[in-house]
Amino acid sequence: MNRSNKQIGIAGAILASLVVASSASAADRSAAGEKELAALLEGRVAGEPVDCIRDSASDGVQIIDGTAMVFRRGDTLYVNRPDGARTLDYWDLPVFHKWGGNGLCRLDHVDLYERGSHIPGPTLFLAEFVPYKKPAR
């Protein structure tokens, strides 16, 4: 094996190890996110998914690492698991782009920005919103 082939082989091995490490890191973040989401939803019951929720910036959104976005609307928590949720980071600043209406809806897109900078991150499309409510006593 000549020197050039050895260098290519070494570069390939390094790249493969980075891909494996990145996948493990994303899996760890998703597992931790699922645990955090389960704790947040403890004692609540899932309802039928809805396509849209009312838009209310004052109620806020919570990003769960690698898992979901949680929207608080009064006593109800709406969980949205967009495609590409594995890229979500609690430190991200979401910028929502609505396609019409006065609420957030399935297929509206969200640009994620690194907080404290203008560096754009991934763009995600919202999925259905699953409402979680505390059961009536």
N, C-alpha and C. Protein backbone atom coordinates (compact mmCIF):
# COMPACT_ATOMS: atom_id res chain seq x y z
N MET A 1 0.87 -1.18 0.00
CA MET A 1 0.00 0.00 0.00
C MET A 1 0.91 1.23 0.00
N ASN A 2 0.67 2.11 -0.95
CA ASN A 2 1.51 3.30 -0.99
C ASN A 2 1.03 4.34 0.01
N ARG A 3 1.81 5.38 0.15
CA ARG A 3 1.53 6.41 1.16
C ARG A 3 0.17 7.08 0.94
N SER A 4 -0.17 7.38 -0.31
CA SER A 4 -1.44 8.04 -0.62
C SER A 4 -2.63 7.18 -0.20
N ASN A 5 -2.56 5.89 -0.47
CA ASN A 5 -3.65 4.99 -0.08
C ASN A 5 -3.76 4.88 1.44
N LYS A 6 -2.62 4.89 2.13
CA LYS A 6 -2.64 4.85 3.60
C LYS A 6 -3.31 6.09 4.16
N GLN A 7 -2.99 7.25 3.58
CA GLN A 7 -3.60 8.50 4.05
C GLN A 7 -5.11 8.49 3.82
N ILE A 8 -5.52 7.98 2.67
CA ILE A 8 -6.96 7.89 2.39
C ILE A 8 -7.62 6.94 3.38
N GLY A 9 -6.96 5.83 3.65
CA GLY A 9 -7.50 4.86 4.61
C GLY A 9 -7.63 5.45 6.01
N ILE A 10 -6.61 6.18 6.43
CA ILE A 10 -6.64 6.82 7.75
C ILE A 10 -7.73 7.88 7.81
N ALA A 11 -7.84 8.69 6.75
CA ALA A 11 -8.89 9.73 6.71
C ALA A 11 -10.27 9.08 6.76
N GLY A 12 -10.44 7.98 6.04
CA GLY A 12 -11.73 7.27 6.06
C GLY A 12 -12.06 6.74 7.44
N ALA A 13 -11.06 6.18 8.13
CA ALA A 13 -11.27 5.66 9.48
C ALA A 13 -11.65 6.77 10.45
N ILE A 14 -10.98 7.92 10.33
CA ILE A 14 -11.30 9.06 11.20
C ILE A 14 -12.71 9.54 10.93
N LEU A 15 -13.08 9.66 9.66
CA LEU A 15 -14.43 10.10 9.31
C LEU A 15 -15.48 9.13 9.84
N ALA A 16 -15.23 7.84 9.69
CA ALA A 16 -16.18 6.84 10.19
C ALA A 16 -16.34 6.95 11.70
N SER A 17 -15.24 7.16 12.43
CA SER A 17 -15.34 7.27 13.89
C SER A 17 -16.10 8.52 14.29
N LEU A 18 -15.95 9.62 13.53
CA LEU A 18 -16.71 10.83 13.83
C LEU A 18 -18.19 10.63 13.59
N VAL A 19 -18.55 9.91 12.54
CA VAL A 19 -19.97 9.63 12.25
C VAL A 19 -20.56 8.78 13.37
N VAL A 20 -19.84 7.76 13.80
CA VAL A 20 -20.33 6.91 14.89
C VAL A 20 -20.47 7.71 16.18
N ALA A 21 -19.49 8.54 16.50
CA ALA A 21 -19.56 9.37 17.72
C ALA A 21 -20.72 10.34 17.64
N SER A 22 -20.93 10.93 16.49
CA SER A 22 -22.04 11.87 16.31
C SER A 22 -23.38 11.17 16.48
N SER A 23 -23.51 9.97 15.93
CA SER A 23 -24.75 9.21 16.06
C SER A 23 -25.01 8.84 17.51
N ALA A 24 -23.96 8.43 18.22
CA ALA A 24 -24.12 8.08 19.63
C ALA A 24 -24.53 9.31 20.43
N SER A 25 -23.93 10.45 20.13
CA SER A 25 -24.27 11.68 20.83
C SER A 25 -25.72 12.07 20.59
N ALA A 26 -26.19 11.97 19.34
CA ALA A 26 -27.59 12.29 19.01
C ALA A 26 -28.53 11.32 19.72
N ALA A 27 -28.15 10.04 19.78
CA ALA A 27 -28.98 9.05 20.46
C ALA A 27 -29.06 9.35 21.96
N ASP A 28 -27.93 9.72 22.56
CA ASP A 28 -27.92 10.07 23.98
C ASP A 28 -28.81 11.29 24.25
N ARG A 29 -28.73 12.31 23.36
CA ARG A 29 -29.55 13.51 23.52
C ARG A 29 -31.03 13.17 23.40
N SER A 30 -31.36 12.30 22.45
CA SER A 30 -32.76 11.92 22.26
C SER A 30 -33.28 11.14 23.47
N ALA A 31 -32.46 10.24 24.00
CA ALA A 31 -32.87 9.47 25.17
C ALA A 31 -33.08 10.39 26.37
N ALA A 32 -32.17 11.32 26.57
CA ALA A 32 -32.32 12.28 27.68
C ALA A 32 -33.54 13.16 27.45
N GLY A 33 -33.77 13.56 26.20
CA GLY A 33 -34.94 14.37 25.87
C GLY A 33 -36.24 13.64 26.14
N GLU A 34 -36.30 12.36 25.78
CA GLU A 34 -37.50 11.56 26.03
C GLU A 34 -37.78 11.46 27.53
N LYS A 35 -36.72 11.32 28.30
CA LYS A 35 -36.87 11.24 29.76
C LYS A 35 -37.39 12.57 30.31
N GLU A 36 -36.85 13.68 29.82
CA GLU A 36 -37.30 15.01 30.26
C GLU A 36 -38.76 15.24 29.87
N LEU A 37 -39.13 14.84 28.65
CA LEU A 37 -40.50 15.00 28.18
C LEU A 37 -41.46 14.16 29.02
N ALA A 38 -41.08 12.93 29.33
CA ALA A 38 -41.93 12.06 30.16
C ALA A 38 -42.17 12.69 31.53
N ALA A 39 -41.14 13.28 32.12
CA ALA A 39 -41.30 13.93 33.43
C ALA A 39 -42.23 15.14 33.32
N LEU A 40 -42.11 15.90 32.24
CA LEU A 40 -42.95 17.07 32.03
C LEU A 40 -44.42 16.69 31.86
N LEU A 41 -44.67 15.54 31.23
CA LEU A 41 -46.04 15.11 30.94
C LEU A 41 -46.62 14.20 32.01
N GLU A 42 -45.85 13.89 33.03
CA GLU A 42 -46.31 12.98 34.08
C GLU A 42 -47.63 13.47 34.68
N GLY A 43 -48.60 12.56 34.77
CA GLY A 43 -49.91 12.89 35.34
C GLY A 43 -50.87 13.49 34.33
N ARG A 44 -50.44 13.62 33.10
CA ARG A 44 -51.31 14.17 32.05
C ARG A 44 -51.74 13.07 31.09
N VAL A 45 -52.84 13.32 30.41
CA VAL A 45 -53.41 12.34 29.48
C VAL A 45 -53.39 12.94 28.08
N ALA A 46 -52.93 12.14 27.11
CA ALA A 46 -52.88 12.60 25.72
C ALA A 46 -54.28 12.63 25.12
N GLY A 47 -54.54 13.67 24.34
CA GLY A 47 -55.80 13.78 23.61
C GLY A 47 -55.57 13.49 22.14
N GLU A 48 -56.60 13.73 21.33
CA GLU A 48 -56.49 13.53 19.89
C GLU A 48 -55.60 14.63 19.30
N PRO A 49 -54.70 14.26 18.40
CA PRO A 49 -53.84 15.27 17.76
C PRO A 49 -54.67 16.30 16.99
N VAL A 50 -54.17 17.52 16.95
CA VAL A 50 -54.82 18.60 16.20
C VAL A 50 -53.79 19.19 15.23
N ASP A 51 -54.30 19.79 14.15
CA ASP A 51 -53.41 20.37 13.14
C ASP A 51 -52.91 21.75 13.53
N CYS A 52 -53.68 22.52 14.31
CA CYS A 52 -53.31 23.89 14.64
C CYS A 52 -53.58 24.18 16.12
N ILE A 53 -52.81 25.11 16.66
CA ILE A 53 -53.08 25.64 18.00
C ILE A 53 -53.08 27.16 17.89
N ARG A 54 -53.74 27.80 18.85
CA ARG A 54 -53.78 29.26 18.80
C ARG A 54 -52.37 29.81 19.02
N ASP A 55 -52.12 30.92 18.41
CA ASP A 55 -50.81 31.55 18.50
C ASP A 55 -50.80 32.50 19.68
N SER A 56 -49.97 32.20 20.66
CA SER A 56 -49.90 33.05 21.84
C SER A 56 -48.46 33.05 22.34
N ALA A 57 -47.74 34.08 21.98
CA ALA A 57 -46.33 34.15 22.37
C ALA A 57 -46.15 34.21 23.88
N SER A 58 -47.16 34.72 24.60
CA SER A 58 -47.01 34.86 26.04
C SER A 58 -46.99 33.52 26.77
N ASP A 59 -47.56 32.48 26.13
CA ASP A 59 -47.56 31.16 26.77
C ASP A 59 -46.25 30.42 26.55
N GLY A 60 -45.53 30.75 25.52
CA GLY A 60 -44.19 30.23 25.30
C GLY A 60 -44.09 28.84 24.72
N VAL A 61 -42.86 28.51 24.38
CA VAL A 61 -42.51 27.20 23.84
C VAL A 61 -41.26 26.72 24.58
N GLN A 62 -41.23 25.44 24.86
CA GLN A 62 -40.08 24.81 25.51
C GLN A 62 -39.50 23.80 24.53
N ILE A 63 -38.22 23.90 24.28
CA ILE A 63 -37.57 22.94 23.39
C ILE A 63 -36.94 21.85 24.24
N ILE A 64 -37.28 20.62 23.90
CA ILE A 64 -36.72 19.45 24.58
C ILE A 64 -35.65 18.87 23.66
N ASP A 65 -34.42 18.80 24.15
CA ASP A 65 -33.28 18.36 23.33
C ASP A 65 -33.58 17.10 22.53
N GLY A 66 -33.36 17.20 21.22
CA GLY A 66 -33.43 16.05 20.34
C GLY A 66 -34.77 15.35 20.28
N THR A 67 -35.85 16.00 20.76
CA THR A 67 -37.11 15.29 20.92
C THR A 67 -38.32 16.03 20.39
N ALA A 68 -38.63 17.19 20.96
CA ALA A 68 -39.91 17.84 20.67
C ALA A 68 -39.90 19.30 21.08
N MET A 69 -40.95 19.99 20.66
CA MET A 69 -41.26 21.32 21.15
C MET A 69 -42.55 21.20 21.94
N VAL A 70 -42.60 21.85 23.10
CA VAL A 70 -43.79 21.81 23.94
C VAL A 70 -44.34 23.23 24.05
N PHE A 71 -45.61 23.37 23.68
CA PHE A 71 -46.30 24.66 23.72
C PHE A 71 -47.29 24.65 24.86
N ARG A 72 -47.22 25.62 25.75
CA ARG A 72 -48.15 25.72 26.88
C ARG A 72 -49.25 26.69 26.47
N ARG A 73 -50.48 26.20 26.51
CA ARG A 73 -51.66 27.02 26.22
C ARG A 73 -52.63 26.82 27.37
N GLY A 74 -52.58 27.74 28.34
CA GLY A 74 -53.39 27.58 29.55
C GLY A 74 -52.91 26.36 30.32
N ASP A 75 -53.83 25.46 30.65
CA ASP A 75 -53.49 24.24 31.39
C ASP A 75 -53.09 23.08 30.48
N THR A 76 -53.11 23.31 29.19
CA THR A 76 -52.82 22.24 28.23
C THR A 76 -51.40 22.39 27.69
N LEU A 77 -50.70 21.26 27.60
CA LEU A 77 -49.40 21.21 26.95
C LEU A 77 -49.59 20.53 25.59
N TYR A 78 -49.12 21.18 24.54
CA TYR A 78 -49.18 20.59 23.20
C TYR A 78 -47.77 20.18 22.81
N VAL A 79 -47.62 18.91 22.46
CA VAL A 79 -46.32 18.37 22.08
C VAL A 79 -46.26 18.25 20.56
N ASN A 80 -45.22 18.79 19.99
CA ASN A 80 -45.01 18.71 18.55
C ASN A 80 -43.65 18.06 18.32
N ARG A 81 -43.67 16.98 17.54
CA ARG A 81 -42.44 16.27 17.21
C ARG A 81 -42.16 16.45 15.72
N PRO A 82 -41.53 17.55 15.36
CA PRO A 82 -41.29 17.80 13.93
C PRO A 82 -40.29 16.81 13.34
N ASP A 83 -40.39 16.63 12.02
CA ASP A 83 -39.36 15.85 11.34
C ASP A 83 -38.03 16.54 11.61
N GLY A 84 -37.02 15.76 11.89
CA GLY A 84 -35.72 16.36 12.20
C GLY A 84 -35.60 16.81 13.64
N ALA A 85 -36.49 16.34 14.51
CA ALA A 85 -36.47 16.75 15.92
C ALA A 85 -35.13 16.44 16.59
N ARG A 86 -34.42 15.47 16.07
CA ARG A 86 -33.12 15.11 16.67
C ARG A 86 -32.15 16.30 16.67
N THR A 87 -32.41 17.31 15.81
CA THR A 87 -31.53 18.48 15.75
C THR A 87 -31.90 19.55 16.78
N LEU A 88 -33.03 19.37 17.49
CA LEU A 88 -33.47 20.38 18.45
C LEU A 88 -32.50 20.47 19.63
N ASP A 89 -32.25 21.69 20.06
CA ASP A 89 -31.38 21.94 21.20
C ASP A 89 -32.05 23.02 22.05
N TYR A 90 -32.08 22.82 23.36
CA TYR A 90 -32.77 23.76 24.25
C TYR A 90 -32.23 25.19 24.08
N TRP A 91 -31.00 25.32 23.60
CA TRP A 91 -30.38 26.62 23.46
C TRP A 91 -30.81 27.34 22.18
N ASP A 92 -31.52 26.60 21.28
CA ASP A 92 -31.96 27.18 20.02
C ASP A 92 -33.03 28.24 20.23
N LEU A 93 -33.02 29.22 19.37
CA LEU A 93 -34.06 30.25 19.34
C LEU A 93 -34.92 29.96 18.11
N PRO A 94 -36.19 29.53 18.32
CA PRO A 94 -37.04 29.21 17.17
C PRO A 94 -37.69 30.46 16.58
N VAL A 95 -37.70 30.54 15.26
CA VAL A 95 -38.40 31.60 14.55
C VAL A 95 -39.45 30.92 13.68
N PHE A 96 -40.73 31.17 14.00
CA PHE A 96 -41.84 30.49 13.33
C PHE A 96 -42.30 31.27 12.10
N HIS A 97 -42.56 30.55 11.03
CA HIS A 97 -43.08 31.13 9.79
C HIS A 97 -44.42 30.48 9.50
N LYS A 98 -45.49 31.25 9.66
CA LYS A 98 -46.84 30.72 9.49
C LYS A 98 -47.29 30.91 8.05
N TRP A 99 -48.05 29.92 7.56
CA TRP A 99 -48.53 29.96 6.18
C TRP A 99 -49.93 30.54 6.08
N GLY A 100 -50.48 31.02 7.16
CA GLY A 100 -51.81 31.61 7.11
C GLY A 100 -52.53 31.36 8.42
N GLY A 101 -53.67 31.99 8.57
CA GLY A 101 -54.43 31.81 9.80
C GLY A 101 -53.80 32.56 10.96
N ASN A 102 -54.37 32.35 12.12
CA ASN A 102 -53.88 33.07 13.30
C ASN A 102 -53.32 32.13 14.35
N GLY A 103 -52.86 30.97 13.92
CA GLY A 103 -52.28 30.03 14.85
C GLY A 103 -51.06 29.35 14.24
N LEU A 104 -50.46 28.49 15.02
CA LEU A 104 -49.38 27.65 14.52
C LEU A 104 -50.00 26.37 14.00
N CYS A 105 -49.60 25.94 12.83
CA CYS A 105 -50.22 24.77 12.21
C CYS A 105 -49.18 23.78 11.70
N ARG A 106 -49.66 22.56 11.54
CA ARG A 106 -48.86 21.50 10.94
C ARG A 106 -48.35 22.01 9.60
N LEU A 107 -47.10 21.77 9.32
CA LEU A 107 -46.39 22.17 8.10
C LEU A 107 -45.91 23.62 8.09
N ASP A 108 -46.25 24.42 9.13
CA ASP A 108 -45.57 25.71 9.26
C ASP A 108 -44.09 25.39 9.50
N HIS A 109 -43.21 26.25 9.07
CA HIS A 109 -41.81 25.91 9.28
C HIS A 109 -41.17 26.79 10.35
N VAL A 110 -40.14 26.21 10.94
CA VAL A 110 -39.43 26.83 12.06
C VAL A 110 -37.95 26.88 11.70
N ASP A 111 -37.38 28.07 11.72
CA ASP A 111 -35.94 28.22 11.57
C ASP A 111 -35.34 28.27 12.98
N LEU A 112 -34.30 27.50 13.19
CA LEU A 112 -33.63 27.49 14.49
C LEU A 112 -32.34 28.29 14.38
N TYR A 113 -32.13 29.17 15.35
CA TYR A 113 -30.92 30.00 15.39
C TYR A 113 -30.21 29.75 16.71
N GLU A 114 -28.89 29.80 16.65
CA GLU A 114 -28.10 29.69 17.87
C GLU A 114 -28.31 30.98 18.66
N ARG A 115 -28.76 30.83 19.90
CA ARG A 115 -29.03 31.99 20.75
C ARG A 115 -27.77 32.83 20.92
N GLY A 116 -27.93 34.14 20.83
CA GLY A 116 -26.80 35.03 21.00
C GLY A 116 -26.00 35.27 19.73
N SER A 117 -26.48 34.69 18.63
CA SER A 117 -25.78 34.92 17.36
C SER A 117 -26.82 34.97 16.25
N HIS A 118 -26.36 35.24 15.08
CA HIS A 118 -27.26 35.23 13.92
C HIS A 118 -26.95 34.03 13.03
N ILE A 119 -26.38 33.01 13.63
CA ILE A 119 -26.00 31.83 12.86
C ILE A 119 -27.24 30.95 12.68
N PRO A 120 -27.67 30.76 11.43
CA PRO A 120 -28.85 29.93 11.21
C PRO A 120 -28.52 28.46 11.40
N GLY A 121 -29.50 27.74 11.90
CA GLY A 121 -29.39 26.30 12.05
C GLY A 121 -30.36 25.63 11.11
N PRO A 122 -30.85 24.47 11.49
CA PRO A 122 -31.77 23.75 10.62
C PRO A 122 -33.14 24.40 10.54
N THR A 123 -33.87 24.04 9.50
CA THR A 123 -35.27 24.42 9.35
C THR A 123 -36.10 23.16 9.52
N LEU A 124 -37.12 23.24 10.37
CA LEU A 124 -37.99 22.10 10.64
C LEU A 124 -39.42 22.45 10.23
N PHE A 125 -40.21 21.43 9.92
CA PHE A 125 -41.62 21.61 9.64
C PHE A 125 -42.43 20.99 10.76
N LEU A 126 -43.37 21.76 11.30
CA LEU A 126 -44.17 21.28 12.42
C LEU A 126 -45.03 20.10 12.01
N ALA A 127 -45.25 19.20 12.94
CA ALA A 127 -46.12 18.04 12.76
C ALA A 127 -47.44 18.32 13.48
N GLU A 128 -48.23 17.28 13.71
CA GLU A 128 -49.46 17.45 14.48
C GLU A 128 -49.11 17.81 15.92
N PHE A 129 -50.02 18.49 16.57
CA PHE A 129 -49.87 18.88 17.97
C PHE A 129 -50.70 17.91 18.81
N VAL A 130 -50.05 17.25 19.76
CA VAL A 130 -50.76 16.33 20.65
C VAL A 130 -51.00 17.04 21.98
N PRO A 131 -52.30 17.24 22.34
CA PRO A 131 -52.59 17.93 23.60
C PRO A 131 -52.47 16.97 24.79
N TYR A 132 -51.93 17.46 25.87
CA TYR A 132 -51.85 16.71 27.13
C TYR A 132 -52.50 17.55 28.21
N LYS A 133 -53.50 16.94 28.86
CA LYS A 133 -54.22 17.65 29.93
C LYS A 133 -54.20 16.82 31.19
N LYS A 134 -54.32 17.51 32.32
CA LYS A 134 -54.48 16.80 33.59
C LYS A 134 -55.90 16.26 33.63
N PRO A 135 -56.07 15.02 34.10
CA PRO A 135 -57.42 14.45 34.15
C PRO A 135 -58.31 15.20 35.14
N ALA A 136 -59.60 15.23 34.83
CA ALA A 136 -60.56 15.86 35.75
C ALA A 136 -60.62 15.03 37.02
N ARG A 137 -60.82 15.71 38.13
CA ARG A 137 -60.86 14.99 39.42
C ARG A 137 -62.26 14.61 39.78
